[in-house]
Protein backbone atom coordinates (compact mmCIF):
# COMPACT_ATOMS: atom_id res chain seq x y z
CA UNK A 1 151.33 170.89 -3.13
CA UNK A 2 147.85 171.65 -1.24
CA UNK A 3 145.87 169.42 0.63
CA UNK A 4 143.18 169.67 2.71
CA UNK A 5 144.35 167.88 5.50
CA UNK A 6 141.77 167.59 8.11
CA UNK A 7 139.62 166.39 5.11
CA UNK A 8 142.19 163.66 4.03
CA UNK A 9 142.36 162.61 7.11
CA UNK A 10 138.26 162.17 7.51
CA UNK A 11 138.35 160.16 4.58
CA UNK A 12 141.48 158.21 5.64
CA UNK A 13 139.60 157.31 8.68
CA UNK A 14 136.23 156.07 7.20
CA UNK A 15 138.52 154.01 4.82
CA UNK A 16 140.42 152.24 7.26
CA UNK A 17 137.08 151.64 9.46
CA UNK A 18 135.30 150.37 6.34
CA UNK A 19 138.07 147.41 5.87
CA UNK A 20 138.43 147.22 9.73
CA UNK A 21 142.17 147.83 9.62
CA UNK A 22 144.42 149.96 11.87
CA UNK A 23 147.40 152.42 10.85
CA UNK A 24 150.95 152.89 12.38
CA UNK A 25 153.20 155.93 11.99
CA UNK A 26 157.03 154.98 11.53
CA UNK A 27 158.16 159.32 11.53
CA UNK A 28 161.47 160.53 11.21
CA UNK A 29 161.25 164.16 9.97
CA UNK A 30 157.81 164.47 11.05
CA UNK A 31 158.55 164.17 14.38
CA UNK A 32 155.42 162.74 15.14
CA UNK A 33 153.26 165.27 13.26
CA UNK A 34 151.64 162.92 11.18
CA UNK A 35 150.41 160.93 14.28
CA UNK A 36 148.73 163.89 15.43
CA UNK A 37 146.87 164.86 12.43
CA UNK A 38 145.46 161.92 12.82
CA UNK A 39 144.51 161.90 16.76
CA UNK A 40 143.73 165.11 15.86
CA UNK A 41 140.27 163.86 15.21
CA UNK A 42 137.79 162.69 17.47
CA UNK A 43 137.38 158.94 16.98
CA UNK A 44 140.42 158.16 15.77
CA UNK A 45 140.98 155.75 18.42
CA UNK A 46 139.29 153.28 16.13
CA UNK A 47 141.77 153.43 13.35
CA UNK A 48 144.78 154.92 14.67
CA UNK A 49 147.21 151.97 16.47
CA UNK A 50 149.74 154.03 17.60
CA UNK A 51 153.30 156.26 16.60
CA UNK A 52 156.23 155.50 16.04
CA UNK A 53 159.25 158.53 16.76
CA UNK A 54 162.41 157.27 15.73
CA UNK A 55 164.34 160.46 14.79
CA UNK A 56 167.81 158.34 15.99
CA UNK A 57 169.03 155.80 14.00
CA UNK A 58 169.44 153.86 16.90
CA UNK A 59 165.57 154.44 17.62
CA UNK A 60 164.99 153.25 13.97
CA UNK A 61 166.93 149.78 14.28
CA UNK A 62 165.63 149.03 18.33
CA UNK A 63 161.72 150.12 17.70
CA UNK A 64 161.43 149.28 14.31
CA UNK A 65 164.50 146.85 13.16
CA UNK A 66 165.42 148.36 10.87
CA UNK A 67 168.49 146.72 9.69
CA UNK A 68 171.56 149.34 11.41
CA UNK A 69 174.01 148.07 8.11
CA UNK A 70 171.05 149.17 5.71
CA UNK A 71 171.16 152.89 7.45
CA UNK A 72 174.90 152.87 7.36
CA UNK A 73 175.16 151.43 3.75
CA UNK A 74 172.29 154.36 2.50
CA UNK A 75 171.73 156.62 5.21
CA UNK A 76 169.22 157.44 6.91
CA UNK A 77 167.20 159.07 4.28
CA UNK A 78 166.77 156.25 1.54
CA UNK A 79 164.74 154.02 0.28
CA UNK A 80 165.52 150.96 1.73
CA UNK A 81 165.09 152.97 5.12
CA UNK A 82 161.82 154.45 4.63
CA UNK A 83 160.80 150.67 3.54
CA UNK A 84 161.98 149.12 6.42
CA UNK A 85 160.47 151.65 8.31
CA UNK A 86 156.96 151.07 6.71
CA UNK A 87 157.55 147.26 7.57
CA UNK A 88 158.46 147.55 10.71
CA UNK A 89 156.09 149.34 12.08
CA UNK A 90 153.64 147.56 10.54
CA UNK A 91 154.91 144.28 12.02
CA UNK A 92 155.56 145.89 15.58
CA UNK A 93 151.97 146.90 15.54
CA UNK A 94 150.53 144.41 14.47
CA UNK A 95 148.24 146.48 11.77
CA UNK A 96 148.13 146.26 8.31
CA UNK A 97 149.03 150.10 7.52
CA UNK A 98 151.51 151.85 8.32
CA UNK A 99 153.13 155.29 7.23
CA UNK A 100 156.64 156.23 7.39
CA UNK A 101 158.84 159.15 6.85
CA UNK A 102 162.21 159.80 6.81
CA UNK A 103 163.76 163.25 5.46
CA UNK A 104 165.89 166.23 5.84
CA UNK A 105 163.62 169.09 7.06
CA UNK A 106 166.97 171.43 7.40
CA UNK A 107 167.50 174.60 8.05
CA UNK A 108 170.73 172.60 7.76
CA UNK A 109 171.58 169.20 7.08
CA UNK A 110 171.41 168.71 3.32
CA UNK A 111 173.95 168.01 0.62
CA UNK A 112 174.14 168.36 -3.03
CA UNK A 113 173.01 165.04 -3.47
CA UNK A 114 170.20 165.08 -0.50
CA UNK A 115 169.59 168.77 -0.08
CA UNK A 116 167.23 170.35 2.06
CA UNK A 117 163.68 168.99 1.85
CA UNK A 118 164.50 165.81 0.56
CA UNK A 119 161.83 163.54 2.39
CA UNK A 120 161.40 159.52 1.79
CA UNK A 121 157.62 158.29 2.45
CA UNK A 122 156.89 155.08 2.77
CA UNK A 123 153.63 152.60 2.98
CA UNK A 124 152.52 149.21 4.07
CA UNK A 125 149.43 148.38 2.64
CA UNK A 126 147.99 144.56 3.56
CA UNK A 127 151.23 143.69 2.92
CA UNK A 128 152.90 145.37 -0.29
CA UNK A 129 155.41 148.27 1.43
CA UNK A 130 155.99 150.94 -1.70
CA UNK A 131 157.51 154.16 -1.13
CA UNK A 132 158.85 157.50 -3.25
CA UNK A 133 160.91 160.50 -3.06
CA UNK A 134 159.27 163.74 -2.73
CA UNK A 135 161.37 167.47 -3.02
CA UNK A 136 159.75 169.82 -0.83
CA UNK A 137 160.45 173.42 -0.91
CA UNK A 138 160.76 175.76 2.01
CA UNK A 139 161.45 176.18 5.69
CA UNK A 140 160.87 173.33 8.43
CA UNK A 141 157.84 173.30 9.26
CA UNK A 142 156.37 173.68 5.42
CA UNK A 143 158.64 170.86 4.22
CA UNK A 144 157.16 168.77 7.70
CA UNK A 145 153.84 170.18 7.01
CA UNK A 146 153.84 168.93 3.39
CA UNK A 147 155.21 165.88 4.03
CA UNK A 148 152.50 165.03 6.75
CA UNK A 149 150.31 165.76 3.80
CA UNK A 150 151.45 164.21 1.28
CA UNK A 151 152.35 160.65 3.53
CA UNK A 152 148.01 161.03 4.09
CA UNK A 153 147.01 161.73 1.18
CA UNK A 154 149.17 159.15 -1.11
CA UNK A 155 148.04 156.97 2.33
CA UNK A 156 144.41 157.62 1.33
CA UNK A 157 144.33 156.94 -2.48
CA UNK A 158 146.60 153.79 -2.02
CA UNK A 159 144.07 152.51 0.45
CA UNK A 160 140.98 153.29 -2.06
CA UNK A 161 142.78 151.55 -4.31
CA UNK A 162 142.23 148.34 -2.19
């Protein structure tokens, strides 16, 4: 999966600006790389509101309002948690659009149920929350880079459809 990240960010920014929408990110495995990709573009302050780096479970609960029992029941790398992260980021930032990531970038931390490269991405667009699980290949930087590209590429598709 190869996407032109700078071109995606430009197009995403244009789509958000056309709608007067702001974006927030809630990141675990990507550690702020989604926010960095957005803010690499000059003028992104007109459409990028803020980023939450919620690497620990406590941060997910404290900053995004993800219920601790949701994490305890499903694990941090799960569909219910990434959906709660996306929804929490949109609510806490007061924006109509949010993107969230949680996953296992490696090299350790994987299991048979959730191998290294398992990444859940979530999106909240105008109140509709969606999520998808991906299995990215490669080392830690490769998994994280693919998660950033896919998160913003899919967000662009979701917004363009609105």
